Amino acid sequence: MNIFEKQASFYLLQSDLTQRELSQKMVCSLGTVNKTLKSLVNHDWLYSDRTPTQKLLKLMSCNNPKRAIILAAGFGVRSVPLNITTPKPLIEVNGERLIERLIGQLHQADVTDITIVVGFMKERFEYLIDQYGVSLVFNEEYKRFNNICSLGLASDQLENAYIVPGDVWLKENPFSKADFYSWYLVSRKADPYSPVRIGRQGEFHIRNGKEDPGIKMIGVAYVASDVSSRIAVELKQAMTDPTRQQMFWENVLLGNDALIESFVPRILPENEVVDINTYEDLRTIDGLSSQLNSSVIALISRVLKVSKNEIGNIMPLKKGMTNRSFSFLARDRKYIMRVPGEGTSKLINRKNEARVYHLIRDFSFVEKVTYINPDNGYKISEYLDGARNSNPEDKAEVRQCLEILRTLHHQKVRSGSRFELFKQIEFYESFWGMQPSVFEDYTETKRRVYQLRKFVLNHKNQDVLCHIDANFDNFVFAGRKGNRSLKLIDWEYAGEQDPLVDIAMFAIYADYSQAQVDWLLSEYLEGKVTSRDRALLYSYISICGLLWSNWCQYKQNLGVEFGEYFMHQYRFAKEYSKSALRQIALMED
C-alpha cells in the first residue's frame, strides 16, 4: 500500500464516504482519490462497493491499537503562571482536564492499557490510577532532559501503541479501532520552524530551510508493529547519548530516513488541535477556564488595580538559575513578574530582600519595584525597555559597572543583615544530606579555603550593604540609543559585607584570568591598590568560589544542571586559595 491507499482504507473502514469527502480528509485531488480506489480494488484490499476484504481486515487485526503512552513529565517553562500550582496536562479546558479528555478519547477506541510518564508534580497524577486504571512511570530526569527520555522509559510498550503529549487539546477524537499503519499527526497550520512538509504523494519530507514554511507537528502518533522495535532501539540509544538527551522524541524519526518514510501524515484542520503552551493559549480556547484565575494573576490585578482582562501579552522569560519569570502588559505598561524557583525558600531570606529594596528604592541605578512579597518572594517590577546585559570583556562597560558598585558602597547603607560567607558555605553544604561532594579533593580544598578565615577577619574593610550577586548579567543597560542607563537588578542575596566581596563576585562570574582580576581591582580602587587589598580580593574569590560551587551541588541534587559554571566556581576556590595564601605569606615576610 502507498500512503494514499492507507489513508483511504482507514477512512472507509470507519464509514462510507463519498469521493469528495475522502478528498477533503486525505487533502488530495478527486483524481488521486479515484486512482487510489481503483488500485485498492485491483489489489484485493477493497471490494467494488468499497467494503473491506478479508485481506484488509486481517491486516487491521494484526496492527490495531493495543495501548497508549501519554507523555506528561515536563515542567513546561512557557506555561508560567499556569503551571505554578498545576501541571499542564491537568489544566481544565471547558470544564475538562486535558489528560482526562485524552484518556476518554482513547477509551472510545477501546484503548485502556495506558501508561503515563510523569515528572513535574508527579503526585498530582496519582488519582488517575484509581479513576482510570492507568499506570504511572516516573522520569527522574524530567528537569534535565527532553521527552525523548520520557518515551524511552516506555520503549518496551511501543508495539501498536499511541504516543500522546499530555498537554494537547483535540477537538475530534484522532484515535480509532481501525488504525492499522503508523501515522503522525500534523495540523494544516503553516509553521516556519517545523522541520517537515508534505510532498506531492502525501509523504513527509525534511525541509532544507529554504523551502516554503513547514507544517505544524502535534506530537500525537500511532506506532504499528512493523516499526516499533526500530524506534525502541533508537530511543534507548538516545537516552544515554548526551548529544540527544535534550531532543524531542520526534528527532528519532527525523534522524532516520527509513523511520520517517514509514509514517503517514494524518492532517487535521487548524482549529481542531491546540497546544496549551501559554496562558494566552488557554485564554483563547477557554476564556472561562478556572486556571485563568490563578493566584498570580489575581495578585497582579490587585497590585496594579487592573481587571484580569487587562492583563495580557504574557511571555515567559528565560529560566534563570533561581527564578521563573514572565513579562506582561497591563494598561499598555510592561512589567516583569518574578516567581521564585524550586528550593529557593531555603536559600534566600525574602524578608531581608524586601527590606533591602525598601532601603535602596530611591537609588537611580535600581530597577523600579512595584511590589515584593517578603514571605514568598513574588515580585513585580517595571520592564526595562531595550535591555541588554553588560559585557564583561568591554572595559568601558565594566568601568560603568564598577562606578555603580562604588556609589553603592560609599553610601554605607546598613541593612541590619550580614551575608556571612563561611556560614553560607556550611549552609549550602548542609542541604546535600548524606551525599558527599562530587569533587574528589573537596576536603583538602575546603581546608585550604578555611585557612583564609583568620586573615579576612583581621584585615577586612568596613561592612556596608553589598549586592553579593554582582554578576555582569545583573548589570543591565536599558532604554534606547541616546537615552540609555545602567541598572543593577536582582538583589536577592544582598547584605552587609566587605565591598571587595562584590568585586570578587564580578570576577568569578565573568570567569576572569588573574591578570583581569588584578585590572578589575585596580579600576575599582582607582589605582590605589595595596598588598592587603590584593590578598583580600584573592581570599574572597576563593571563598565565594567554594560558596557558589556548594550552592550548585545543592541545585544539581534537585535536578538543575549548571554545566561548566559549577566546575569553574570550584576551580576559583582551589586556585585562588593558593594565590591568597602566597600573597598573605609575602605580606608577613
Protein backbone atom coordinates (compact mmCIF):
# COMPACT_ATOMS: atom_id res chain seq x y z
CA MET A 1 0.00 0.00 0.00
CA ASN A 2 1.12 3.54 -0.72
CA ILE A 3 0.27 6.49 1.52
CA PHE A 4 -2.98 7.43 -0.21
CA GLU A 5 -4.14 3.79 -0.21
CA LYS A 6 -3.52 3.54 3.53
CA GLN A 7 -5.42 6.76 4.18
CA ALA A 8 -8.40 5.82 2.01
CA SER A 9 -8.60 2.33 3.55
CA PHE A 10 -8.54 3.77 7.06
CA TYR A 11 -11.34 6.25 6.43
CA LEU A 12 -13.50 3.67 4.64
CA LEU A 13 -13.05 1.20 7.50
CA GLN A 14 -14.82 3.73 9.72
CA SER A 15 -17.64 4.96 7.47
CA ASP A 16 -18.91 5.03 3.93
CA LEU A 17 -17.58 8.29 2.47
CA THR A 18 -18.06 9.90 -0.91
CA GLN A 19 -15.07 10.56 -3.10
CA ARG A 20 -15.32 14.26 -2.33
CA GLU A 21 -15.33 13.59 1.41
CA LEU A 22 -12.31 11.34 1.01
CA SER A 23 -10.58 14.07 -0.96
CA GLN A 24 -11.09 16.54 1.90
CA LYS A 25 -9.84 14.15 4.59
CA MET A 26 -6.85 12.98 2.56
CA VAL A 27 -6.04 16.54 1.41
CA CYS A 28 -5.65 15.49 -2.22
CA SER A 29 -7.45 15.85 -5.54
CA LEU A 30 -10.51 13.89 -6.67
CA GLY A 31 -8.36 12.39 -9.40
CA THR A 32 -5.98 10.99 -6.80
CA VAL A 33 -8.92 9.54 -4.85
CA ASN A 34 -10.31 7.80 -7.97
CA LYS A 35 -6.90 6.35 -8.82
CA THR A 36 -6.42 5.20 -5.23
CA LEU A 37 -9.80 3.44 -5.02
CA LYS A 38 -9.20 1.58 -8.28
CA SER A 39 -5.82 0.39 -7.03
CA LEU A 40 -7.30 -0.83 -3.73
CA VAL A 41 -9.91 -2.86 -5.59
CA ASN A 42 -7.35 -4.24 -8.07
CA HIS A 43 -5.05 -5.36 -5.25
CA ASP A 44 -7.88 -7.01 -3.29
CA TRP A 45 -7.94 -4.58 -0.37
CA LEU A 46 -11.49 -3.39 -1.11
CA TYR A 47 -14.50 -4.86 -2.86
CA SER A 48 -16.06 -2.81 -5.65
CA ASP A 49 -18.65 -1.48 -3.18
CA ARG A 50 -15.70 -0.13 -1.08
CA THR A 51 -16.21 -2.55 1.80
CA PRO A 52 -13.05 -4.18 3.22
CA THR A 53 -11.87 -7.56 2.04
CA GLN A 54 -10.63 -10.28 4.39
CA LYS A 55 -7.10 -9.31 3.37
CA LEU A 56 -7.59 -5.78 4.73
CA LEU A 57 -9.43 -6.97 7.84
CA LYS A 58 -6.59 -9.39 8.63
CA LEU A 59 -4.01 -6.61 8.27
CA MET A 60 -6.07 -4.43 10.58
CA SER A 61 -6.46 -7.15 13.22
CA CYS A 62 -2.69 -7.67 13.35
CA ASN A 63 -1.92 -3.98 13.75
CA ASN A 64 -4.88 -2.43 15.54
CA PRO A 65 -4.23 -0.34 18.71
CA LYS A 66 -3.41 -2.15 21.94
CA ARG A 67 -2.06 0.56 24.27
CA ALA A 68 -1.08 4.22 24.69
CA ILE A 69 1.78 6.18 26.23
CA ILE A 70 0.98 9.68 27.46
CA LEU A 71 3.97 11.98 27.98
CA ALA A 72 3.25 14.22 30.98
CA ALA A 73 6.61 14.68 32.72
CA GLY A 74 7.71 18.11 31.55
CA PHE A 75 7.68 21.35 33.50
CA GLY A 76 6.66 23.48 30.53
CA VAL A 77 8.64 26.65 31.13
CA ARG A 78 6.45 28.62 28.68
CA SER A 79 3.34 27.90 30.75
CA VAL A 80 4.07 30.26 33.64
CA PRO A 81 1.89 31.20 35.52
CA LEU A 82 -0.48 28.34 34.61
CA ASN A 83 1.87 25.65 35.93
CA ILE A 84 2.90 27.21 39.22
CA THR A 85 0.36 25.07 41.07
CA THR A 86 -0.90 22.79 38.26
CA PRO A 87 0.99 20.65 35.72
CA LYS A 88 -0.10 21.39 32.16
CA PRO A 89 -1.90 18.09 31.49
CA LEU A 90 -4.21 18.81 34.46
CA ILE A 91 -5.28 22.22 33.14
CA GLU A 92 -9.02 22.43 32.60
CA VAL A 93 -10.48 23.40 29.23
CA ASN A 94 -14.26 23.79 29.08
CA GLY A 95 -14.54 22.11 32.47
CA GLU A 96 -12.48 19.07 31.47
CA ARG A 97 -8.85 18.33 32.30
CA LEU A 98 -6.66 17.90 29.23
CA ILE A 99 -5.33 14.49 30.22
CA GLU A 100 -8.76 13.19 31.20
CA ARG A 101 -10.14 14.25 27.82
CA LEU A 102 -7.31 12.34 26.12
CA ILE A 103 -7.92 9.25 28.27
CA GLY A 104 -11.62 9.42 27.40
CA GLN A 105 -10.84 9.64 23.70
CA LEU A 106 -8.51 6.63 23.97
CA HIS A 107 -11.22 4.65 25.77
CA GLN A 108 -13.58 5.36 22.87
CA ALA A 109 -11.08 3.49 20.68
CA ASP A 110 -11.08 0.60 23.21
CA VAL A 111 -7.55 1.51 24.35
CA THR A 112 -7.48 1.09 28.14
CA ASP A 113 -3.86 -0.05 28.62
CA ILE A 114 -2.45 3.43 29.24
CA THR A 115 0.96 4.36 30.64
CA ILE A 116 1.56 7.94 31.74
CA VAL A 117 5.15 9.13 32.10
CA VAL A 118 5.21 11.73 34.89
CA GLY A 119 7.81 14.02 36.43
CA PHE A 120 6.88 17.58 37.41
CA MET A 121 4.30 17.46 40.26
CA LYS A 122 4.09 13.70 39.77
CA GLU A 123 1.90 13.25 42.86
CA ARG A 124 -0.90 15.23 41.21
CA PHE A 125 -1.41 12.39 38.70
CA GLU A 126 -1.82 9.63 41.30
CA TYR A 127 -5.64 9.80 41.30
CA LEU A 128 -5.69 8.66 37.67
CA ILE A 129 -4.59 5.17 38.76
CA ASP A 130 -7.85 4.56 40.63
CA GLN A 131 -10.12 6.60 38.36
CA TYR A 132 -8.94 5.24 35.00
CA GLY A 133 -6.73 2.23 35.74
CA VAL A 134 -3.63 3.81 34.21
CA SER A 135 -0.02 3.04 35.08
CA LEU A 136 2.45 5.78 36.08
CA VAL A 137 6.14 5.76 35.21
CA PHE A 138 8.34 8.38 36.91
CA ASN A 139 11.01 10.13 34.85
CA GLU A 140 13.60 11.21 37.41
CA GLU A 141 15.43 13.29 34.79
CA TYR A 142 12.44 15.36 33.68
CA LYS A 143 14.16 18.63 34.69
CA ARG A 144 17.32 17.89 32.73
CA PHE A 145 16.24 16.03 29.61
CA ASN A 146 13.53 16.32 26.99
CA ASN A 147 10.70 13.92 26.20
CA ILE A 148 12.93 11.61 24.17
CA CYS A 149 13.97 10.22 27.56
CA SER A 150 10.39 10.04 28.81
CA LEU A 151 9.32 7.94 25.85
CA GLY A 152 12.48 5.88 26.21
CA LEU A 153 11.28 4.74 29.65
CA ALA A 154 8.25 3.17 27.96
CA SER A 155 10.03 1.98 24.81
CA ASP A 156 9.14 -1.66 25.51
CA GLN A 157 5.45 -0.76 25.11
CA LEU A 158 5.57 0.82 21.64
CA GLU A 159 4.13 -2.04 19.61
CA ASN A 160 0.70 -1.00 18.25
CA ALA A 161 0.72 1.98 20.61
CA TYR A 162 -0.35 5.60 20.54
CA ILE A 163 2.13 8.27 21.63
CA VAL A 164 0.31 11.26 23.07
CA PRO A 165 1.58 14.52 24.64
CA GLY A 166 -0.44 15.18 27.78
CA ASP A 167 -0.94 18.90 27.12
CA VAL A 168 -2.71 18.83 23.75
CA TRP A 169 -6.41 19.58 23.19
CA LEU A 170 -8.02 17.71 20.29
CA LYS A 171 -11.48 18.77 19.17
CA GLU A 172 -12.22 15.48 17.40
CA ASN A 173 -11.01 12.07 18.52
CA PRO A 174 -7.97 11.06 16.41
CA PHE A 175 -7.84 7.55 17.93
CA SER A 176 -9.65 4.68 16.25
CA LYS A 177 -10.18 0.93 16.41
CA ALA A 178 -9.46 0.94 12.66
CA ASP A 179 -5.84 2.15 12.85
CA PHE A 180 -3.50 -0.33 11.18
CA TYR A 181 -0.47 1.68 9.98
CA SER A 182 1.97 4.11 11.57
CA TRP A 183 0.97 7.76 11.36
CA TYR A 184 1.97 11.11 12.81
CA LEU A 185 -0.49 13.94 13.45
CA VAL A 186 0.06 17.36 11.87
CA SER A 187 -2.07 20.48 11.55
CA ARG A 188 -2.68 22.35 8.32
CA LYS A 189 -1.32 25.43 10.07
CA ALA A 190 1.93 26.62 8.49
CA ASP A 191 4.92 26.62 10.83
CA PRO A 192 8.15 28.30 9.69
CA TYR A 193 10.08 26.42 12.40
CA SER A 194 8.78 22.97 11.53
CA PRO A 195 11.37 20.60 10.03
CA VAL A 196 8.80 18.79 7.86
CA ARG A 197 6.48 19.43 4.95
CA ILE A 198 4.10 17.25 2.94
CA GLY A 199 5.18 16.05 -0.52
CA ARG A 200 3.06 15.54 -3.64
CA GLN A 201 2.49 11.88 -2.87
CA GLY A 202 1.29 12.70 0.65
CA GLU A 203 4.62 11.77 2.23
CA PHE A 204 6.77 13.53 4.82
CA HIS A 205 9.77 15.48 3.58
CA ILE A 206 12.54 17.01 5.68
CA ARG A 207 12.74 20.72 4.87
CA ASN A 208 16.04 22.21 3.78
CA GLY A 209 15.25 25.60 5.32
CA LYS A 210 14.88 27.45 2.01
CA GLU A 211 11.51 25.98 1.09
CA ASP A 212 8.05 27.20 2.00
CA PRO A 213 7.07 27.03 5.69
CA GLY A 214 6.65 23.57 7.13
CA ILE A 215 3.53 22.06 8.63
CA LYS A 216 2.88 22.12 12.38
CA MET A 217 3.85 18.91 14.21
CA ILE A 218 1.44 17.95 17.01
CA GLY A 219 3.27 15.14 18.81
CA VAL A 220 0.48 12.55 18.56
CA ALA A 221 1.37 9.37 16.67
CA TYR A 222 0.47 5.75 16.17
CA VAL A 223 3.28 3.16 16.05
CA ALA A 224 2.36 -0.06 14.29
CA SER A 225 4.23 -3.28 14.99
CA ASP A 226 6.38 -3.14 11.85
CA VAL A 227 8.42 -0.16 13.09
CA SER A 228 8.05 -0.32 16.89
CA SER A 229 11.21 -2.33 17.55
CA ARG A 230 13.37 0.01 15.44
CA ILE A 231 12.06 3.07 17.29
CA ALA A 232 12.61 1.37 20.65
CA VAL A 233 16.26 0.71 19.81
CA GLU A 234 16.79 4.33 18.73
CA LEU A 235 15.15 5.64 21.91
CA LYS A 236 17.29 3.51 24.20
CA GLN A 237 20.43 4.71 22.43
CA ALA A 238 19.29 8.35 22.69
CA MET A 239 18.68 8.07 26.45
CA THR A 240 22.39 7.50 27.08
CA ASP A 241 23.67 9.88 24.39
CA PRO A 242 24.37 13.37 25.84
CA THR A 243 24.02 14.91 22.37
CA ARG A 244 20.44 13.62 22.06
CA GLN A 245 19.01 13.75 25.58
CA GLN A 246 17.72 17.30 25.09
CA MET A 247 15.79 16.36 21.95
CA PHE A 248 12.12 15.60 21.33
CA TRP A 249 11.15 12.01 20.57
CA GLU A 250 10.30 13.05 17.01
CA ASN A 251 14.02 13.52 16.39
CA VAL A 252 14.25 9.72 16.31
CA LEU A 253 12.04 9.80 13.23
CA LEU A 254 13.63 12.84 11.64
CA GLY A 255 17.12 11.40 12.03
CA ASN A 256 16.28 8.11 10.32
CA ASP A 257 15.01 8.16 6.73
CA ALA A 258 13.62 4.65 6.99
CA LEU A 259 11.52 5.60 10.00
CA ILE A 260 10.17 8.91 8.73
CA GLU A 261 9.21 7.18 5.49
CA SER A 262 7.24 4.59 7.48
CA PHE A 263 4.92 7.21 8.97
CA VAL A 264 1.92 8.58 7.11
CA PRO A 265 0.91 12.19 7.76
CA ARG A 266 -2.53 12.48 9.33
CA ILE A 267 -3.63 16.04 8.72
CA LEU A 268 -6.10 17.92 10.93
CA PRO A 269 -7.76 21.28 10.24
CA GLU A 270 -6.03 24.13 12.07
CA ASN A 271 -8.91 24.74 14.50
CA GLU A 272 -9.17 21.11 15.67
CA VAL A 273 -5.98 20.98 17.71
CA VAL A 274 -4.45 23.35 20.25
CA ASP A 275 -1.17 23.08 22.14
CA ILE A 276 -1.81 24.65 25.55
CA ASN A 277 1.66 26.10 25.96
CA THR A 278 0.91 29.52 27.42
CA TYR A 279 -1.64 31.44 29.44
CA GLU A 280 -2.67 33.17 26.21
CA ASP A 281 -3.30 29.80 24.51
CA LEU A 282 -5.69 28.80 27.28
CA ARG A 283 -7.47 32.15 27.28
CA THR A 284 -8.00 31.83 23.51
CA ILE A 285 -9.61 28.41 23.69
CA ASP A 286 -11.48 28.79 27.00
CA GLY A 287 -11.78 32.29 28.43
CA LEU A 288 -13.72 30.91 31.40
CA SER A 289 -11.20 28.26 32.45
CA SER A 290 -10.67 28.09 36.20
CA GLN A 291 -6.91 28.03 35.62
CA LEU A 292 -7.08 31.60 34.33
CA ASN A 293 -8.00 32.63 37.85
CA SER A 294 -4.51 31.82 39.14
CA SER A 295 -3.31 33.40 42.36
CA VAL A 296 -0.50 35.11 40.42
CA ILE A 297 -2.91 36.80 38.00
CA ALA A 298 -5.14 37.77 40.93
CA LEU A 299 -2.12 39.31 42.65
CA ILE A 300 -1.18 41.35 39.57
CA SER A 301 -4.77 42.53 39.24
CA ARG A 302 -4.89 43.64 42.87
CA VAL A 303 -1.47 45.33 42.97
CA LEU A 304 -1.81 47.23 39.70
CA LYS A 305 -5.53 47.87 40.17
CA VAL A 306 -6.47 46.43 36.78
CA SER A 307 -9.02 43.81 35.78
CA LYS A 308 -7.79 40.36 34.83
CA ASN A 309 -8.88 41.00 31.25
CA GLU A 310 -6.49 43.97 31.11
CA ILE A 311 -3.52 41.67 31.80
CA GLY A 312 -2.18 40.32 28.52
CA ASN A 313 0.80 39.57 26.29
CA ILE A 314 2.16 37.17 28.90
CA MET A 315 5.57 36.00 27.72
CA PRO A 316 7.77 33.63 29.74
CA LEU A 317 11.34 34.86 30.09
CA LYS A 318 14.50 32.78 30.01
CA LYS A 319 14.59 30.49 33.03
CA GLY A 320 17.21 31.79 35.44
CA MET A 321 19.31 29.98 38.00
CA THR A 322 16.94 30.83 40.82
CA ASN A 323 13.60 32.07 39.48
CA ARG A 324 10.91 31.68 36.84
CA SER A 325 9.73 34.97 35.42
CA PHE A 326 7.39 36.32 32.77
CA SER A 327 6.63 39.70 31.25
CA PHE A 328 3.13 41.06 30.73
CA LEU A 329 1.21 44.17 29.72
CA ALA A 330 -1.27 45.98 31.94
CA ARG A 331 -2.89 49.10 30.53
CA ASP A 332 -0.14 49.46 27.95
CA ARG A 333 2.66 49.33 30.54
CA LYS A 334 5.03 46.41 30.56
CA TYR A 335 6.09 44.63 33.75
CA ILE A 336 8.02 41.56 34.88
CA MET A 337 6.59 39.11 37.39
CA ARG A 338 9.16 37.03 39.26
CA VAL A 339 8.10 33.66 40.62
CA PRO A 340 10.73 32.01 42.85
CA GLY A 341 12.04 28.67 41.59
CA GLU A 342 12.47 25.27 43.20
CA GLY A 343 14.17 25.21 46.58
CA THR A 344 14.67 28.98 46.82
CA SER A 345 12.72 29.34 50.06
CA LYS A 346 15.61 27.54 51.78
CA LEU A 347 18.28 29.62 50.09
CA ILE A 348 17.04 33.19 50.25
CA ASN A 349 15.75 35.37 53.09
CA ARG A 350 12.84 37.08 51.36
CA LYS A 351 12.15 39.39 54.28
CA ASN A 352 15.72 40.69 54.05
CA GLU A 353 15.36 41.12 50.29
CA ALA A 354 12.17 43.17 50.73
CA ARG A 355 13.89 45.32 53.38
CA VAL A 356 16.86 45.95 51.05
CA TYR A 357 14.61 47.01 48.18
CA HIS A 358 12.93 49.47 50.54
CA LEU A 359 16.30 50.93 51.58
CA ILE A 360 17.58 51.40 48.01
CA ARG A 361 14.30 52.34 46.32
CA ASP A 362 15.49 55.91 45.56
CA PHE A 363 18.84 54.93 44.04
CA SER A 364 18.84 55.79 40.34
CA PHE A 365 20.60 52.57 39.35
CA VAL A 366 17.96 50.23 40.87
CA GLU A 367 15.05 48.89 38.82
CA LYS A 368 11.64 50.18 39.93
CA VAL A 369 9.95 47.52 42.06
CA THR A 370 6.19 47.92 42.26
CA TYR A 371 5.56 45.03 44.63
CA ILE A 372 7.54 42.46 46.59
CA ASN A 373 6.17 39.87 49.00
CA PRO A 374 8.51 39.37 51.99
CA ASP A 375 7.09 35.89 52.61
CA ASN A 376 7.12 34.13 49.24
CA GLY A 377 9.38 36.41 47.17
CA TYR A 378 6.88 37.21 44.42
CA LYS A 379 7.98 40.46 42.81
CA ILE A 380 6.53 42.83 40.21
CA SER A 381 8.90 45.32 38.62
CA GLU A 382 8.73 47.62 35.64
CA TYR A 383 10.08 46.15 32.42
CA LEU A 384 13.39 47.60 31.28
CA ASP A 385 12.83 48.55 27.67
CA GLY A 386 15.64 47.69 25.25
CA ALA A 387 17.50 45.85 28.00
CA ARG A 388 20.77 44.01 27.46
CA ASN A 389 23.32 42.60 29.88
CA SER A 390 26.70 44.24 30.35
CA ASN A 391 29.70 42.81 28.54
CA PRO A 392 32.49 41.73 30.94
CA GLU A 393 35.01 41.88 28.08
CA ASP A 394 34.24 45.55 27.33
CA LYS A 395 36.42 47.58 29.69
CA ALA A 396 34.36 50.74 29.25
CA GLU A 397 31.20 48.90 30.30
CA VAL A 398 32.96 47.22 33.21
CA ARG A 399 34.08 50.64 34.44
CA GLN A 400 30.43 51.73 34.44
CA CYS A 401 29.52 48.66 36.48
CA LEU A 402 32.28 49.43 38.97
CA GLU A 403 31.07 53.01 39.27
CA ILE A 404 27.67 51.73 40.38
CA LEU A 405 29.30 49.45 42.95
CA ARG A 406 31.47 52.30 44.25
CA THR A 407 28.39 54.52 44.55
CA LEU A 408 26.52 51.80 46.44
CA HIS A 409 29.41 51.08 48.79
CA HIS A 410 30.12 54.76 49.50
CA GLN A 411 26.52 55.24 50.67
CA LYS A 412 27.39 52.96 53.61
CA VAL A 413 23.83 51.66 53.82
CA ARG A 414 23.22 49.29 56.73
CA SER A 415 20.52 46.67 56.19
CA GLY A 416 20.75 45.01 59.59
CA SER A 417 21.57 41.66 57.98
CA ARG A 418 25.07 40.42 57.22
CA PHE A 419 25.82 37.94 54.45
CA GLU A 420 28.08 35.53 56.31
CA LEU A 421 30.34 33.86 53.75
CA PHE A 422 31.56 30.89 55.78
CA LYS A 423 28.15 30.36 57.33
CA GLN A 424 26.65 30.21 53.83
CA ILE A 425 29.27 27.68 52.73
CA GLU A 426 28.17 25.39 55.56
CA PHE A 427 24.51 26.23 54.96
CA TYR A 428 24.57 25.08 51.35
CA GLU A 429 26.65 22.03 52.20
CA SER A 430 24.09 21.00 54.82
CA PHE A 431 21.49 20.56 52.10
CA TRP A 432 23.48 17.77 50.49
CA GLY A 433 22.29 15.39 53.18
CA MET A 434 24.35 12.22 53.20
CA GLN A 435 25.65 12.80 49.69
CA PRO A 436 29.36 13.70 49.54
CA SER A 437 30.87 16.36 47.30
CA VAL A 438 31.19 15.43 43.65
CA PHE A 439 34.80 16.66 43.77
CA GLU A 440 37.44 14.15 44.87
CA ASP A 441 39.63 16.72 46.65
CA TYR A 442 36.83 18.73 48.24
CA THR A 443 38.04 18.15 51.80
CA GLU A 444 41.54 19.47 51.02
CA THR A 445 40.19 22.45 49.05
CA LYS A 446 37.79 23.38 51.84
CA ARG A 447 40.58 23.11 54.44
CA ARG A 448 42.76 25.50 52.42
CA VAL A 449 39.89 27.97 51.92
CA TYR A 450 39.21 27.98 55.66
CA GLN A 451 42.84 28.89 56.32
CA LEU A 452 41.94 32.31 54.91
CA ARG A 453 39.30 32.95 57.54
CA LYS A 454 41.58 34.46 60.19
CA PHE A 455 43.26 36.82 57.72
CA VAL A 456 39.91 38.05 56.40
CA LEU A 457 38.53 38.68 59.88
CA ASN A 458 41.64 40.66 60.88
CA HIS A 459 42.10 42.71 57.70
CA LYS A 460 38.64 43.16 56.16
CA ASN A 461 37.14 46.52 55.21
CA GLN A 462 34.17 48.04 56.99
CA ASP A 463 30.89 46.30 56.26
CA VAL A 464 28.40 48.10 54.04
CA LEU A 465 25.42 46.98 52.01
CA CYS A 466 26.68 44.85 49.09
CA HIS A 467 24.81 43.34 46.20
CA ILE A 468 26.59 39.97 46.78
CA ASP A 469 25.33 38.58 43.44
CA ALA A 470 27.25 41.17 41.38
CA ASN A 471 27.07 39.10 38.22
CA PHE A 472 27.71 41.03 35.00
CA ASP A 473 24.31 39.68 33.84
CA ASN A 474 22.69 41.65 36.67
CA PHE A 475 24.09 44.89 35.27
CA VAL A 476 21.58 45.81 32.59
CA PHE A 477 21.70 48.61 30.04
CA ALA A 478 18.17 49.86 29.39
CA GLY A 479 16.49 52.47 27.21
CA ARG A 480 17.01 53.49 23.62
CA LYS A 481 20.01 54.95 21.80
CA GLY A 482 20.88 58.35 23.21
CA ASN A 483 18.95 57.71 26.41
CA ARG A 484 20.42 54.56 27.90
CA SER A 485 21.08 53.93 31.57
CA LEU A 486 22.73 51.16 33.56
CA LYS A 487 20.74 49.35 36.24
CA LEU A 488 21.77 46.79 38.85
CA ILE A 489 18.96 44.27 39.27
CA ASP A 490 18.09 41.16 41.36
CA TRP A 491 19.06 41.99 44.94
CA GLU A 492 18.04 38.62 46.41
CA TYR A 493 21.31 37.91 48.20
CA ALA A 494 22.11 41.49 49.24
CA GLY A 495 23.51 42.03 52.72
CA GLU A 496 26.29 43.71 54.64
CA GLN A 497 29.83 42.67 53.70
CA ASP A 498 33.26 43.91 52.74
CA PRO A 499 32.86 45.87 49.43
CA LEU A 500 35.58 43.73 47.87
CA VAL A 501 33.17 40.77 48.02
CA ASP A 502 31.18 42.40 45.20
CA ILE A 503 34.36 42.76 43.16
CA ALA A 504 35.19 39.11 43.78
CA MET A 505 31.71 38.09 42.66
CA PHE A 506 32.00 40.08 39.44
CA ALA A 507 35.35 38.43 38.68
CA ILE A 508 34.24 34.85 39.20
CA TYR A 509 31.00 35.23 37.24
CA ALA A 510 32.98 36.76 34.37
CA ASP A 511 35.47 33.87 34.60
CA TYR A 512 38.36 36.35 34.65
CA SER A 513 42.01 35.40 34.42
CA GLN A 514 44.34 36.60 37.18
CA ALA A 515 45.51 39.48 35.00
CA GLN A 516 41.89 40.55 34.53
CA VAL A 517 41.24 40.18 38.25
CA ASP A 518 44.18 42.48 39.04
CA TRP A 519 42.93 45.01 36.47
CA LEU A 520 39.42 44.88 37.97
CA LEU A 521 40.74 45.58 41.47
CA SER A 522 42.87 48.48 40.23
CA GLU A 523 39.92 50.02 38.41
CA TYR A 524 37.63 49.71 41.42
CA LEU A 525 40.22 51.25 43.79
CA GLU A 526 41.20 53.82 41.14
CA GLY A 527 44.82 52.65 41.07
CA LYS A 528 45.36 52.73 44.84
CA VAL A 529 45.91 49.00 45.41
CA THR A 530 47.81 47.66 48.43
CA SER A 531 49.10 44.17 49.15
CA ARG A 532 46.32 43.82 51.72
CA ASP A 533 43.68 44.66 49.08
CA ARG A 534 45.05 42.06 46.69
CA ALA A 535 45.26 39.39 49.40
CA LEU A 536 41.70 40.18 50.47
CA LEU A 537 40.32 40.01 46.92
CA TYR A 538 42.07 36.69 46.22
CA SER A 539 40.71 35.36 49.51
CA TYR A 540 37.16 36.44 48.67
CA ILE A 541 37.38 34.93 45.19
CA SER A 542 38.39 31.61 46.74
CA ILE A 543 35.73 31.76 49.46
CA CYS A 544 32.97 32.81 47.05
CA GLY A 545 34.01 30.14 44.57
CA LEU A 546 33.52 27.47 47.23
CA LEU A 547 30.25 29.03 48.35
CA TRP A 548 28.71 29.03 44.88
CA SER A 549 30.04 25.58 43.98
CA ASN A 550 28.32 24.27 47.12
CA TRP A 551 25.17 26.07 46.02
CA CYS A 552 25.47 24.46 42.57
CA GLN A 553 25.73 20.99 44.08
CA TYR A 554 22.56 21.55 46.10
CA LYS A 555 20.69 22.75 42.99
CA GLN A 556 22.14 19.87 40.96
CA ASN A 557 20.78 17.43 43.53
CA LEU A 558 17.37 18.99 42.81
CA GLY A 559 17.87 18.32 39.10
CA VAL A 560 19.02 21.79 38.00
CA GLU A 561 22.15 21.48 35.86
CA PHE A 562 24.78 24.27 35.56
CA GLY A 563 27.43 22.54 33.46
CA GLU A 564 30.80 24.32 33.33
CA TYR A 565 29.69 27.09 35.70
CA PHE A 566 29.71 24.57 38.56
CA MET A 567 33.23 23.38 37.77
CA HIS A 568 34.57 26.90 37.22
CA GLN A 569 33.39 28.03 40.67
CA TYR A 570 35.21 25.14 42.26
CA ARG A 571 38.36 25.96 40.28
CA PHE A 572 38.28 29.51 41.68
CA ALA A 573 38.07 28.04 45.19
CA LYS A 574 41.10 25.82 44.56
CA GLU A 575 43.38 28.14 42.63
CA TYR A 576 42.74 31.39 44.48
CA SER A 577 43.08 29.81 47.91
CA LYS A 578 46.65 29.04 46.86
CA SER A 579 47.16 32.52 45.40
CA ALA A 580 45.73 34.19 48.51
CA LEU A 581 47.94 32.17 50.86
CA ARG A 582 51.01 33.10 48.80
CA GLN A 583 50.02 36.78 48.88
CA ILE A 584 49.48 36.64 52.64
CA ALA A 585 52.88 35.00 53.13
CA LEU A 586 54.53 37.82 51.17
CA MET A 587 52.83 40.39 53.42
CA GLU A 588 54.07 38.64 56.56
CA ASP A 589 57.70 38.40 55.35
